[in-house]
C-alpha atoms as a PDB file:
ATOM      1  CA  MET A   1     -22.548 -17.663  22.363  1.00  0.00           C
ATOM      2  CA  GLU A   2     -19.951 -17.673  25.090  1.00  0.00           C
ATOM      3  CA  TYR A   3     -16.242 -17.815  24.481  1.00  0.00           C
ATOM      4  CA  LYS A   4     -13.116 -19.188  25.995  1.00  0.00           C
ATOM      5  CA  LEU A   5     -10.094 -17.236  24.894  1.00  0.00           C
ATOM      6  CA  LYS A   6      -6.497 -16.284  25.491  1.00  0.00           C
ATOM      7  CA  VAL A   7      -5.267 -12.720  25.114  1.00  0.00           C
ATOM      8  CA  TYR A   8      -1.769 -11.477  24.294  1.00  0.00           C
ATOM      9  CA  ASP A   9      -0.532  -7.931  23.773  1.00  0.00           C
ATOM     10  CA  ILE A  10       2.395  -5.944  22.368  1.00  0.00           C
ATOM     11  CA  TRP A  11       3.214  -2.326  23.273  1.00  0.00           C
ATOM     12  CA  GLU A  12       6.528  -1.146  21.811  1.00  0.00           C
ATOM     13  CA  PHE A  13       8.070   2.308  21.358  1.00  0.00           C
ATOM     14  CA  GLY A  14       9.850   1.561  18.083  1.00  0.00           C
ATOM     15  CA  GLN A  15      12.300   4.342  17.199  1.00  0.00           C
ATOM     16  CA  ARG A  16       9.966   7.162  18.288  1.00  0.00           C
ATOM     17  CA  VAL A  17      11.451   9.671  20.735  1.00  0.00           C
ATOM     18  CA  ASP A  18      10.288  12.924  22.307  1.00  0.00           C
ATOM     19  CA  LYS A  19      11.968  16.322  22.044  1.00  0.00           C
ATOM     20  CA  ALA A  20      14.440  15.321  24.745  1.00  0.00           C
ATOM     21  CA  GLY A  21      15.368  12.118  22.920  1.00  0.00           C
ATOM     22  CA  ASN A  22      13.486   9.786  25.277  1.00  0.00           C
ATOM     23  CA  PRO A  23      11.309   6.910  23.966  1.00  0.00           C
ATOM     24  CA  HIS A  24       7.853   8.261  23.202  1.00  0.00           C
ATOM     25  CA  GLN A  25       4.616   6.281  22.975  1.00  0.00           C
ATOM     26  CA  GLU A  26       1.403   7.620  21.440  1.00  0.00           C
ATOM     27  CA  ASP A  27      -0.462   4.297  21.189  1.00  0.00           C
ATOM     28  CA  SER A  28      -2.995   3.365  23.869  1.00  0.00           C
ATOM     29  CA  MET A  29      -4.942   0.201  24.545  1.00  0.00           C
ATOM     30  CA  TYR A  30      -7.784  -1.080  26.703  1.00  0.00           C
ATOM     31  CA  PRO A  31      -7.242  -3.159  28.748  1.00  0.00           C
ATOM     32  CA  ALA A  32      -3.901  -1.520  29.415  1.00  0.00           C
ATOM     33  CA  PHE A  33      -0.748  -3.353  28.391  1.00  0.00           C
ATOM     34  CA  GLY A  34      -0.198  -6.402  30.590  1.00  0.00           C
ATOM     35  CA  GLU A  35      -3.622  -6.141  32.253  1.00  0.00           C
ATOM     36  CA  SER A  36      -5.850  -8.139  29.895  1.00  0.00           C
ATOM     37  CA  THR A  37      -7.319 -11.433  31.133  1.00  0.00           C
ATOM     38  CA  GLU A  38      -9.242 -14.377  29.706  1.00  0.00           C
ATOM     39  CA  ALA A  39     -12.401 -12.803  31.133  1.00  0.00           C
ATOM     40  CA  ASP A  40     -12.149  -9.670  28.961  1.00  0.00           C
ATOM     41  CA  ARG A  41     -14.526  -9.314  26.036  1.00  0.00           C
ATOM     42  CA  MET A  42     -13.908  -5.698  24.980  1.00  0.00           C
ATOM     43  CA  PHE A  43     -10.672  -4.505  23.393  1.00  0.00           C
ATOM     44  CA  ILE A  44      -9.772  -1.015  22.158  1.00  0.00           C
ATOM     45  CA  LEU A  45      -6.557   0.050  20.432  1.00  0.00           C
ATOM     46  CA  CYS A  46      -5.767   3.632  19.405  1.00  0.00           C
ATOM     47  CA  ASP A  47      -2.811   5.245  17.618  1.00  0.00           C
ATOM     48  CA  GLY A  48      -2.466   8.875  18.636  1.00  0.00           C
ATOM     49  CA  MET A  49      -1.401  11.615  16.222  1.00  0.00           C
ATOM     50  CA  GLY A  50      -0.793  15.309  16.203  1.00  0.00           C
ATOM     51  CA  GLY A  51       2.669  15.641  17.673  1.00  0.00           C
ATOM     52  CA  HIS A  52       4.515  14.782  20.849  1.00  0.00           C
ATOM     53  CA  ASP A  53       2.373  17.058  22.990  1.00  0.00           C
ATOM     54  CA  ALA A  54      -1.058  15.577  22.375  1.00  0.00           C
ATOM     55  CA  GLY A  55      -1.119  12.287  20.450  1.00  0.00           C
ATOM     56  CA  GLU A  56      -0.963  10.204  23.584  1.00  0.00           C
ATOM     57  CA  VAL A  57      -3.655  12.369  25.189  1.00  0.00           C
ATOM     58  CA  ALA A  58      -6.031  11.717  22.309  1.00  0.00           C
ATOM     59  CA  SER A  59      -5.464   7.949  22.206  1.00  0.00           C
ATOM     60  CA  ALA A  60      -5.736   7.541  25.979  1.00  0.00           C
ATOM     61  CA  THR A  61      -8.885   9.682  26.119  1.00  0.00           C
ATOM     62  CA  VAL A  62     -10.669   7.590  23.494  1.00  0.00           C
ATOM     63  CA  CYS A  63      -9.750   4.317  25.221  1.00  0.00           C
ATOM     64  CA  GLU A  64     -10.901   5.656  28.581  1.00  0.00           C
ATOM     65  CA  GLU A  65     -14.162   7.207  27.425  1.00  0.00           C
ATOM     66  CA  MET A  66     -15.273   4.370  25.157  1.00  0.00           C
ATOM     67  CA  SER A  67     -14.511   1.650  27.702  1.00  0.00           C
ATOM     68  CA  ARG A  68     -16.235   3.594  30.493  1.00  0.00           C
ATOM     69  CA  SER A  69     -19.346   4.185  28.376  1.00  0.00           C
ATOM     70  CA  VAL A  70     -19.682   0.542  27.315  1.00  0.00           C
ATOM     71  CA  ASN A  71     -18.974  -0.825  30.796  1.00  0.00           C
ATOM     72  CA  ASP A  72     -21.528   1.533  32.345  1.00  0.00           C
ATOM     73  CA  ALA A  73     -24.150   0.353  29.851  1.00  0.00           C
ATOM     74  CA  LEU A  74     -23.412  -3.331  30.426  1.00  0.00           C
ATOM     75  CA  ASP A  75     -23.268  -2.894  34.197  1.00  0.00           C
ATOM     76  CA  GLY A  76     -26.710  -1.314  33.934  1.00  0.00           C
ATOM     77  CA  GLY A  77     -28.081  -4.525  32.454  1.00  0.00           C
ATOM     78  CA  ALA A  78     -28.072  -3.592  28.761  1.00  0.00           C
ATOM     79  CA  ASP A  79     -26.975  -6.022  26.073  1.00  0.00           C
ATOM     80  CA  PHE A  80     -24.232  -4.775  23.790  1.00  0.00           C
ATOM     81  CA  SER A  81     -25.573  -3.344  20.520  1.00  0.00           C
ATOM     82  CA  ARG A  82     -24.726  -0.917  17.772  1.00  0.00           C
ATOM     83  CA  ALA A  83     -26.383   1.785  19.853  1.00  0.00           C
ATOM     84  CA  THR A  84     -23.999   0.970  22.720  1.00  0.00           C
ATOM     85  CA  PHE A  85     -21.041   1.468  20.383  1.00  0.00           C
ATOM     86  CA  ASP A  86     -22.428   4.735  18.964  1.00  0.00           C
ATOM     87  CA  ALA A  87     -22.953   6.108  22.469  1.00  0.00           C
ATOM     88  CA  ALA A  88     -19.363   5.191  23.359  1.00  0.00           C
ATOM     89  CA  LEU A  89     -18.080   6.943  20.246  1.00  0.00           C
ATOM     90  CA  ASP A  90     -20.031  10.071  21.163  1.00  0.00           C
ATOM     91  CA  ALA A  91     -18.512   9.922  24.646  1.00  0.00           C
ATOM     92  CA  ALA A  92     -15.048   9.731  23.103  1.00  0.00           C
ATOM     93  CA  PHE A  93     -15.645  12.821  20.966  1.00  0.00           C
ATOM     94  CA  ARG A  94     -16.952  14.730  23.991  1.00  0.00           C
ATOM     95  CA  GLY A  95     -13.904  13.677  25.985  1.00  0.00           C
ATOM     96  CA  LEU A  96     -11.602  14.982  23.245  1.00  0.00           C
ATOM     97  CA  ASP A  97     -13.492  18.277  23.180  1.00  0.00           C
ATOM     98  CA  GLU A  98     -12.931  18.659  26.914  1.00  0.00           C
ATOM     99  CA  LYS A  99      -9.205  17.875  26.630  1.00  0.00           C
ATOM    100  CA  ASP A 100      -8.644  20.323  23.764  1.00  0.00           C
ATOM    101  CA  VAL A 101      -6.907  23.271  25.440  1.00  0.00           C
ATOM    102  CA  ASN A 102      -6.653  25.321  22.234  1.00  0.00           C
ATOM    103  CA  PRO A 103      -9.812  24.916  20.128  1.00  0.00           C
ATOM    104  CA  GLU A 104      -8.638  27.511  17.592  1.00  0.00           C
ATOM    105  CA  SER A 105      -5.411  25.678  16.763  1.00  0.00           C
ATOM    106  CA  LYS A 106      -5.169  24.352  13.194  1.00  0.00           C
ATOM    107  CA  LYS A 107      -2.921  21.500  14.352  1.00  0.00           C
ATOM    108  CA  LYS A 108      -5.248  19.372  16.446  1.00  0.00           C
ATOM    109  CA  MET A 109      -4.519  16.173  18.262  1.00  0.00           C
ATOM    110  CA  GLY A 110      -6.229  13.089  16.926  1.00  0.00           C
ATOM    111  CA  THR A 111      -6.256   9.313  17.060  1.00  0.00           C
ATOM    112  CA  THR A 112      -7.243   6.238  15.129  1.00  0.00           C
ATOM    113  CA  MET A 113      -9.575   3.771  16.831  1.00  0.00           C
ATOM    114  CA  THR A 114     -10.122   0.027  16.614  1.00  0.00           C
ATOM    115  CA  PHE A 115     -12.758  -1.692  18.736  1.00  0.00           C
ATOM    116  CA  LEU A 116     -13.632  -5.364  19.273  1.00  0.00           C
ATOM    117  CA  MET A 117     -16.491  -6.697  21.379  1.00  0.00           C
ATOM    118  CA  LEU A 118     -17.235 -10.385  21.822  1.00  0.00           C
ATOM    119  CA  SER A 119     -20.807 -10.852  23.007  1.00  0.00           C
ATOM    120  CA  ARG A 120     -23.598 -13.415  22.831  1.00  0.00           C
ATOM    121  CA  ALA A 121     -24.469 -11.984  19.407  1.00  0.00           C
ATOM    122  CA  GLY A 122     -20.976 -12.669  18.055  1.00  0.00           C
ATOM    123  CA  ALA A 123     -18.063 -10.395  17.248  1.00  0.00           C
ATOM    124  CA  PHE A 124     -18.538  -6.671  16.677  1.00  0.00           C
ATOM    125  CA  ILE A 125     -15.736  -4.611  15.106  1.00  0.00           C
ATOM    126  CA  GLY A 126     -15.602  -0.835  14.755  1.00  0.00           C
ATOM    127  CA  HIS A 127     -12.753   1.259  13.419  1.00  0.00           C
ATOM    128  CA  MET A 128     -11.645   4.654  12.212  1.00  0.00           C
ATOM    129  CA  GLY A 129      -8.269   5.435  10.613  1.00  0.00           C
ATOM    130  CA  ASP A 130      -5.519   3.053   9.517  1.00  0.00           C
ATOM    131  CA  SER A 131      -5.111   0.851  12.576  1.00  0.00           C
ATOM    132  CA  ARG A 132      -6.507  -2.564  11.686  1.00  0.00           C
ATOM    133  CA  VAL A 133      -8.522  -5.504  12.959  1.00  0.00           C
ATOM    134  CA  TYR A 134      -8.077  -8.914  11.323  1.00  0.00           C
ATOM    135  CA  HIS A 135     -10.350 -11.915  11.849  1.00  0.00           C
ATOM    136  CA  ILE A 136      -8.189 -14.918  10.935  1.00  0.00           C
ATOM    137  CA  ARG A 137      -9.065 -18.593  10.572  1.00  0.00           C
ATOM    138  CA  PRO A 138      -5.883 -20.683  10.618  1.00  0.00           C
ATOM    139  CA  GLY A 139      -5.131 -23.424   8.107  1.00  0.00           C
ATOM    140  CA  LYS A 140      -2.222 -25.812   7.997  1.00  0.00           C
ATOM    141  CA  ASP A 141      -0.047 -23.205   6.248  1.00  0.00           C
ATOM    142  CA  GLY A 142      -0.203 -19.637   5.034  1.00  0.00           C
ATOM    143  CA  ALA A 143      -1.882 -20.572   1.763  1.00  0.00           C
ATOM    144  CA  SER A 144      -4.783 -22.297   3.522  1.00  0.00           C
ATOM    145  CA  THR A 145      -5.157 -19.698   6.284  1.00  0.00           C
ATOM    146  CA  ARG A 146      -8.081 -17.353   5.673  1.00  0.00           C
ATOM    147  CA  ILE A 147      -8.480 -13.711   6.577  1.00  0.00           C
ATOM    148  CA  ILE A 148     -12.221 -13.759   7.214  1.00  0.00           C
ATOM    149  CA  HIS A 149     -12.345 -10.008   7.617  1.00  0.00           C
ATOM    150  CA  LYS A 150      -9.909  -7.100   7.529  1.00  0.00           C
ATOM    151  CA  THR A 151     -10.833  -3.489   8.213  1.00  0.00           C
ATOM    152  CA  TYR A 152     -10.446  -0.998   5.374  1.00  0.00           C
ATOM    153  CA  ASP A 153      -7.742   1.623   6.005  1.00  0.00           C
ATOM    154  CA  HIS A 154      -9.148   5.145   5.967  1.00  0.00           C
ATOM    155  CA  SER A 155      -6.088   6.534   4.203  1.00  0.00           C
ATOM    156  CA  LEU A 156      -5.591   8.782   1.202  1.00  0.00           C
ATOM    157  CA  VAL A 157      -3.476   6.284  -0.746  1.00  0.00           C
ATOM    158  CA  ASN A 158      -5.909   3.449  -0.031  1.00  0.00           C
ATOM    159  CA  ASP A 159      -8.764   5.502  -1.431  1.00  0.00           C
ATOM    160  CA  LEU A 160      -6.678   6.433  -4.480  1.00  0.00           C
ATOM    161  CA  VAL A 161      -5.852   2.770  -5.091  1.00  0.00           C
ATOM    162  CA  ARG A 162      -9.516   1.858  -4.859  1.00  0.00           C
ATOM    163  CA  ILE A 163     -10.549   4.391  -7.503  1.00  0.00           C
ATOM    164  CA  GLY A 164      -7.628   3.517  -9.774  1.00  0.00           C
ATOM    165  CA  GLU A 165      -5.460   6.608  -9.290  1.00  0.00           C
ATOM    166  CA  LEU A 166      -2.576   4.605  -7.755  1.00  0.00           C
ATOM    167  CA  THR A 167      -1.391   1.009  -7.980  1.00  0.00           C
ATOM    168  CA  GLU A 168      -0.834  -0.901  -4.748  1.00  0.00           C
ATOM    169  CA  GLU A 169       2.913  -0.821  -5.378  1.00  0.00           C
ATOM    170  CA  GLU A 170       2.863   2.954  -5.929  1.00  0.00           C
ATOM    171  CA  ALA A 171       0.864   3.370  -2.730  1.00  0.00           C
ATOM    172  CA  LYS A 172       3.582   1.600  -0.696  1.00  0.00           C
ATOM    173  CA  HIS A 173       6.127   4.250  -1.690  1.00  0.00           C
ATOM    174  CA  SER A 174       3.868   7.299  -1.933  1.00  0.00           C
ATOM    175  CA  PRO A 175       4.980  10.359   0.070  1.00  0.00           C
ATOM    176  CA  ARG A 176       1.317  10.643   1.124  1.00  0.00           C
ATOM    177  CA  ARG A 177       1.051   7.116   2.519  1.00  0.00           C
ATOM    178  CA  ASN A 178       0.819   8.447   6.103  1.00  0.00           C
ATOM    179  CA  VAL A 179      -2.172  10.679   5.397  1.00  0.00           C
ATOM    180  CA  ILE A 180      -5.399   9.309   6.866  1.00  0.00           C
ATOM    181  CA  THR A 181      -8.880  10.487   5.987  1.00  0.00           C
ATOM    182  CA  ARG A 182     -10.777   9.652   9.165  1.00  0.00           C
ATOM    183  CA  ALA A 183      -9.775  10.099  12.782  1.00  0.00           C
ATOM    184  CA  LEU A 184     -11.246  11.125  16.098  1.00  0.00           C
ATOM    185  CA  GLN A 185     -10.410  14.794  16.759  1.00  0.00           C
ATOM    186  CA  PRO A 186     -11.855  17.474  19.015  1.00  0.00           C
ATOM    187  CA  HIS A 187     -14.234  20.239  17.965  1.00  0.00           C
ATOM    188  CA  LEU A 188     -14.998  18.975  14.478  1.00  0.00           C
ATOM    189  CA  ASP A 189     -17.781  20.652  12.528  1.00  0.00           C
ATOM    190  CA  ARG A 190     -18.662  17.261  11.098  1.00  0.00           C
ATOM    191  CA  ARG A 191     -17.629  14.137  12.965  1.00  0.00           C
ATOM    192  CA  PRO A 192     -16.503  11.293  10.689  1.00  0.00           C
ATOM    193  CA  ARG A 193     -18.319   7.986  11.032  1.00  0.00           C
ATOM    194  CA  ALA A 194     -16.782   4.712  12.077  1.00  0.00           C
ATOM    195  CA  ASP A 195     -17.061   1.628   9.895  1.00  0.00           C
ATOM    196  CA  VAL A 196     -18.584  -1.317  11.730  1.00  0.00           C
ATOM    197  CA  TYR A 197     -18.877  -5.033  11.066  1.00  0.00           C
ATOM    198  CA  ALA A 198     -20.633  -7.826  12.945  1.00  0.00           C
ATOM    199  CA  THR A 199     -20.489 -11.584  12.561  1.00  0.00           C
ATOM    200  CA  GLU A 200     -21.819 -14.680  14.313  1.00  0.00           C
ATOM    201  CA  ASP A 201     -19.221 -16.768  12.462  1.00  0.00           C
ATOM    202  CA  VAL A 202     -16.709 -17.123  15.295  1.00  0.00           C
ATOM    203  CA  ARG A 203     -15.172 -20.575  15.631  1.00  0.00           C
ATOM    204  CA  PRO A 204     -12.734 -22.310  17.963  1.00  0.00           C
ATOM    205  CA  GLY A 205      -9.213 -21.628  16.760  1.00  0.00           C
ATOM    206  CA  ASP A 206     -10.004 -18.210  15.258  1.00  0.00           C
ATOM    207  CA  TYR A 207      -7.779 -15.224  15.988  1.00  0.00           C
ATOM    208  CA  PHE A 208      -8.604 -11.529  16.173  1.00  0.00           C
ATOM    209  CA  TYR A 209      -5.475  -9.477  15.498  1.00  0.00           C
ATOM    210  CA  MET A 210      -5.773  -5.761  16.343  1.00  0.00           C
ATOM    211  CA  CYS A 211      -2.768  -3.609  15.498  1.00  0.00           C
ATOM    212  CA  SER A 212      -1.568  -0.065  14.958  1.00  0.00           C
ATOM    213  CA  ASP A 213      -0.014   0.641  11.556  1.00  0.00           C
ATOM    214  CA  GLY A 214       3.443   0.486  13.120  1.00  0.00           C
ATOM    215  CA  MET A 215       3.116  -3.313  13.271  1.00  0.00           C
ATOM    216  CA  LEU A 216       2.717  -3.407   9.494  1.00  0.00           C
ATOM    217  CA  GLU A 217       5.801  -1.464   8.357  1.00  0.00           C
ATOM    218  CA  ARG A 218       7.496  -4.630   7.065  1.00  0.00           C
ATOM    219  CA  MET A 219       4.640  -7.120   7.132  1.00  0.00           C
ATOM    220  CA  GLU A 220       2.159  -7.916   4.362  1.00  0.00           C
ATOM    221  CA  ASP A 221      -1.009  -9.998   4.648  1.00  0.00           C
ATOM    222  CA  ASP A 222       0.711 -13.096   3.240  1.00  0.00           C
ATOM    223  CA  ARG A 223       3.177 -13.037   6.121  1.00  0.00           C
ATOM    224  CA  ILE A 224       0.363 -12.518   8.627  1.00  0.00           C
ATOM    225  CA  ARG A 225      -1.351 -15.627   7.243  1.00  0.00           C
ATOM    226  CA  GLU A 226       1.869 -17.601   7.683  1.00  0.00           C
ATOM    227  CA  ILE A 227       2.350 -16.448  11.274  1.00  0.00           C
ATOM    228  CA  PHE A 228      -1.223 -17.278  12.296  1.00  0.00           C
ATOM    229  CA  SER A 229      -1.300 -20.620  10.478  1.00  0.00           C
ATOM    230  CA  GLU A 230      -0.798 -23.924  12.274  1.00  0.00           C
ATOM    231  CA  ALA A 231       2.712 -23.958  10.808  1.00  0.00           C
ATOM    232  CA  GLY A 232       3.415 -20.758  12.744  1.00  0.00           C
ATOM    233  CA  GLY A 233       3.580 -22.747  15.974  1.00  0.00           C
ATOM    234  CA  ASP A 234       1.745 -22.282  19.255  1.00  0.00           C
ATOM    235  CA  ASP A 235       0.644 -18.919  20.612  1.00  0.00           C
ATOM    236  CA  SER A 236       3.985 -18.270  22.287  1.00  0.00           C
ATOM    237  CA  SER A 237       5.778 -18.866  18.999  1.00  0.00           C
ATOM    238  CA  LYS A 238       3.407 -16.576  17.128  1.00  0.00           C
ATOM    239  CA  MET A 239       3.951 -13.765  19.629  1.00  0.00           C
ATOM    240  CA  GLU A 240       7.716 -14.186  19.523  1.00  0.00           C
ATOM    241  CA  THR A 241       7.608 -14.002  15.727  1.00  0.00           C
ATOM    242  CA  LEU A 242       5.493 -10.848  15.758  1.00  0.00           C
ATOM    243  CA  LYS A 243       7.859  -9.184  18.243  1.00  0.00           C
ATOM    244  CA  ARG A 244      11.009 -10.290  16.439  1.00  0.00           C
ATOM    245  CA  GLU A 245       9.830  -9.148  12.999  1.00  0.00           C
ATOM    246  CA  THR A 246       8.717  -5.724  14.269  1.00  0.00           C
ATOM    247  CA  GLU A 247      11.501  -4.895  16.732  1.00  0.00           C
ATOM    248  CA  ALA A 248      13.311  -2.663  14.195  1.00  0.00           C
ATOM    249  CA  ASN A 249      10.175  -0.779  13.132  1.00  0.00           C
ATOM    250  CA  GLN A 250      10.332   3.001  13.258  1.00  0.00           C
ATOM    251  CA  ASP A 251       6.880   3.819  14.609  1.00  0.00           C
ATOM    252  CA  ASN A 252       5.206   2.823  17.870  1.00  0.00           C
ATOM    253  CA  HIS A 253       3.709  -0.626  17.344  1.00  0.00           C
ATOM    254  CA  THR A 254       0.930  -2.029  19.450  1.00  0.00           C
ATOM    255  CA  ALA A 255      -1.264  -5.114  19.121  1.00  0.00           C
ATOM    256  CA  PHE A 256      -3.805  -7.409  20.730  1.00  0.00           C
ATOM    257  CA  VAL A 257      -3.931 -11.059  19.724  1.00  0.00           C
ATOM    258  CA  VAL A 258      -7.200 -12.633  20.875  1.00  0.00           C
ATOM    259  CA  HIS A 259      -7.252 -16.412  20.391  1.00  0.00           C
ATOM    260  CA  ILE A 260     -10.684 -18.039  20.539  1.00  0.00           C
ATOM    261  CA  THR A 261     -10.051 -21.438  22.119  1.00  0.00           C
ATOM    262  CA  ASP A 262     -13.702 -22.520  22.365  1.00  0.00           C
ATOM    263  CA  VAL A 263     -17.195 -21.312  21.478  1.00  0.00           C
ATOM    264  CA  ILE A 264     -20.075 -22.469  23.657  1.00  0.00           C
ATOM    265  CA  ALA A 265     -23.578 -22.284  22.219  1.00  0.00           C
ATOM    266  CA  GLU A 266     -26.297 -20.952  24.494  1.00  0.00           C
ATOM    267  CA  PRO A 267     -30.101 -21.281  24.277  1.00  0.00           C
ATOM    268  CA  GLY A 268     -31.431 -18.934  21.627  1.00  0.00           C
ATOM    269  CA  ASP A 269     -28.232 -18.792  19.570  1.00  0.00           C
ATOM    270  CA  ALA A 270     -28.595 -18.984  15.800  1.00  0.00           C
ATOM    271  CA  PRO A 271     -28.235 -22.584  14.526  1.00  0.00           C
ATOM    272  CA  GLU A 272     -25.803 -21.549  11.806  1.00  0.00           C
ATOM    273  CA  ALA A 273     -23.294 -18.722  12.212  1.00  0.00           C
ATOM    274  CA  THR A 274     -23.165 -16.156   9.445  1.00  0.00           C
ATOM    275  CA  ALA A 275     -21.055 -13.104   8.751  1.00  0.00           C
ATOM    276  CA  ALA A 276     -22.721  -9.823   7.889  1.00  0.00           C
ATOM    277  CA  PRO A 277     -21.585  -6.225   7.591  1.00  0.00           C
ATOM    278  CA  MET A 278     -23.673  -3.823   9.632  1.00  0.00           C
ATOM    279  CA  ALA A 279     -26.224  -2.109   7.395  1.00  0.00           C
ATOM    280  CA  ASP A 280     -24.547   0.169   4.833  1.00  0.00           C
ATOM    281  CA  GLU A 281     -21.272   0.644   6.645  1.00  0.00           C
ATOM    282  CA  GLU A 282     -18.175  -1.475   6.070  1.00  0.00           C
ATOM    283  CA  ARG A 283     -18.671  -2.329   2.403  1.00  0.00           C
ATOM    284  CA  SER A 284     -19.515   1.188   1.230  1.00  0.00           C
ATOM    285  CA  LEU A 285     -17.079   2.930  -1.123  1.00  0.00           C
ATOM    286  CA  PRO A 286     -15.193   5.679   0.716  1.00  0.00           C
ATOM    287  CA  GLU A 287     -15.775   9.197  -0.507  1.00  0.00           C
ATOM    288  CA  ALA A 288     -12.292   9.317  -1.986  1.00  0.00           C
ATOM    289  CA  THR A 289     -13.087  12.086  -4.451  1.00  0.00           C
ATOM    290  CA  ALA A 290     -14.112  14.556  -1.775  1.00  0.00           C
ATOM    291  CA  ALA A 291     -11.684  16.596   0.307  1.00  0.00           C
ATOM    292  CA  PRO A 292     -10.886  14.525   3.440  1.00  0.00           C
ATOM    293  CA  ALA A 293     -12.823  15.794   6.426  1.00  0.00           C
ATOM    294  CA  ALA A 294     -10.067  14.910   8.896  1.00  0.00           C
ATOM    295  CA  ALA A 295      -6.925  14.339   6.861  1.00  0.00           C
ATOM    296  CA  ILE A 296      -3.931  13.904   9.110  1.00  0.00           C
ATOM    297  CA  GLU A 297      -0.293  13.374   8.281  1.00  0.00           C
ATOM    298  CA  ARG A 298       1.676  11.852  11.128  1.00  0.00           C
ATOM    299  CA  ASN A 299       4.241  14.180  12.745  1.00  0.00           C
ATOM    300  CA  ALA A 300       3.269  17.061  10.450  1.00  0.00           C
ATOM    301  CA  PRO A 301       0.570  19.771  10.503  1.00  0.00           C
ATOM    302  CA  LEU A 302      -2.783  18.056  10.338  1.00  0.00           C
ATOM    303  CA  THR A 303      -3.741  19.989   7.213  1.00  0.00           C
ATOM    304  CA  ALA A 304      -0.773  18.835   5.131  1.00  0.00           C
ATOM    305  CA  GLY A 305      -2.467  15.892   3.411  1.00  0.00           C
ATOM    306  CA  MET A 306      -5.607  17.873   2.784  1.00  0.00           C
ATOM    307  CA  ALA A 307      -3.629  20.742   1.295  1.00  0.00           C
ATOM    308  CA  GLN A 308      -1.767  18.441  -1.100  1.00  0.00           C
ATOM    309  CA  GLU A 309      -4.942  16.816  -2.321  1.00  0.00           C
ATOM    310  CA  ARG A 310      -6.775  20.117  -2.705  1.00  0.00           C
ATOM    311  CA  GLU A 311      -3.861  21.532  -4.667  1.00  0.00           C
ATOM    312  CA  ALA A 312      -3.968  18.561  -7.041  1.00  0.00           C
ATOM    313  CA  ARG A 313      -7.700  19.001  -7.570  1.00  0.00           C
ATOM    314  CA  SER A 314      -7.329  22.751  -8.042  1.00  0.00           C
ATOM    315  CA  SER A 315      -4.669  22.183 -10.692  1.00  0.00           C
ATOM    316  CA  ARG A 316      -6.926  19.790 -12.611  1.00  0.00           C
ATOM    317  CA  ALA A 317      -9.818  22.232 -12.335  1.00  0.00           C
ATOM    318  CA  ARG A 318      -7.685  25.100 -13.712  1.00  0.00           C
ATOM    319  CA  TRP A 319      -6.625  23.052 -16.739  1.00  0.00           C
ATOM    320  CA  LEU A 320     -10.227  22.056 -17.394  1.00  0.00           C
ATOM    321  CA  LEU A 321     -11.339  25.676 -17.196  1.00  0.00           C
ATOM    322  CA  LEU A 322      -8.593  26.769 -19.597  1.00  0.00           C
ATOM    323  CA  ALA A 323      -9.625  24.077 -22.072  1.00  0.00           C
ATOM    324  CA  VAL A 324     -13.259  25.212 -21.962  1.00  0.00           C
ATOM    325  CA  VAL A 325     -12.252  28.858 -22.470  1.00  0.00           C
ATOM    326  CA  ALA A 326     -10.037  27.901 -25.425  1.00  0.00           C
ATOM    327  CA  LEU A 327     -12.863  25.965 -27.081  1.00  0.00           C
ATOM    328  CA  LEU A 328     -15.239  28.884 -26.608  1.00  0.00           C
ATOM    329  CA  ALA A 329     -12.683  31.273 -28.115  1.00  0.00           C
ATOM    330  CA  ILE A 330     -12.247  29.060 -31.175  1.00  0.00           C
ATOM    331  CA  ALA A 331     -16.012  28.804 -31.604  1.00  0.00           C
ATOM    332  CA  LEU A 332     -16.391  32.595 -31.455  1.00  0.00           C
ATOM    333  CA  VAL A 333     -13.650  33.112 -34.052  1.00  0.00           C
ATOM    334  CA  LEU A 334     -15.288  30.628 -36.394  1.00  0.00           C
ATOM    335  CA  LEU A 335     -18.664  32.327 -35.956  1.00  0.00           C
ATOM    336  CA  PHE A 336     -17.091  35.715 -36.652  1.00  0.00           C
ATOM    337  CA  PHE A 337     -15.532  34.629 -39.954  1.00  0.00           C
ATOM    338  CA  ALA A 338     -18.668  32.768 -40.936  1.00  0.00           C
ATOM    339  CA  SER A 339     -20.714  35.928 -40.452  1.00  0.00           C
ATOM    340  CA  ARG A 340     -18.347  37.909 -42.740  1.00  0.00           C
ATOM    341  CA  LYS A 341     -18.969  35.618 -45.731  1.00  0.00           C
END
């Protein structure tokens, strides 16, 4: 398949400032803001974390290394594949290792990652963290507009909702809502995996909406459906709405809107497009009951979320141990009196 498309982008500071009070941006994107064209087929968006000194370094490094790795492979004549993506992810981790000036520091820089590639095989999406990619098929209104696919946030509250420990409403107001459970960081003993998804089901009129979590501070999926529906107006109107409804957001907010205007079948393409997650990745249940391998709380020590969760588990374990000891003590007392009869 070949595509005709239009690309739009947003790159806003929000209310974030540096130590001197100047606007501060930790989000990065490839192509860079204002440089995307209708010829682009690869898009990367990263939301940096770890403080004013390094968040932007992490996000920029991942965009640079992943785009360079993929472009080198394609320039060498290779077709894009899962292996191409994995190699790019490895390059990003190596780049972070090289940029890490203090490997012993407990507070490490890190970044989320979202990745979209449009190739002859269809659309390929990869992500890590709580930045999102939506695949949207517009209807006449919000109710008839479909979100074909939405990436799963790698966040503590999202995992707790999924296993029934929190309701969705509780998650919105949880003090741990900014803790994520997967991110790209340097010098990790165990690198977290990215979730990936691939589909041939890309149709004229579809939108791919990539965004950092700052875009979603005041926007639920129902509103996203309304904006991307036919009732939301033309592309210019949709972009104006997105900018207007996020202009007061606190965090940096960054987005790509990729509008597929036409899909051209090529010899050898599948006769019917189908959507399919890649192997055992996207649909697998996150390991929410294990201590997060890369838990990060924005603008706080990177171990804060992990510490809170471990403390909660430790408390439950102590109560369980006390209950077992109490039962054993009661059993011993009963045996003692029984033996005296």
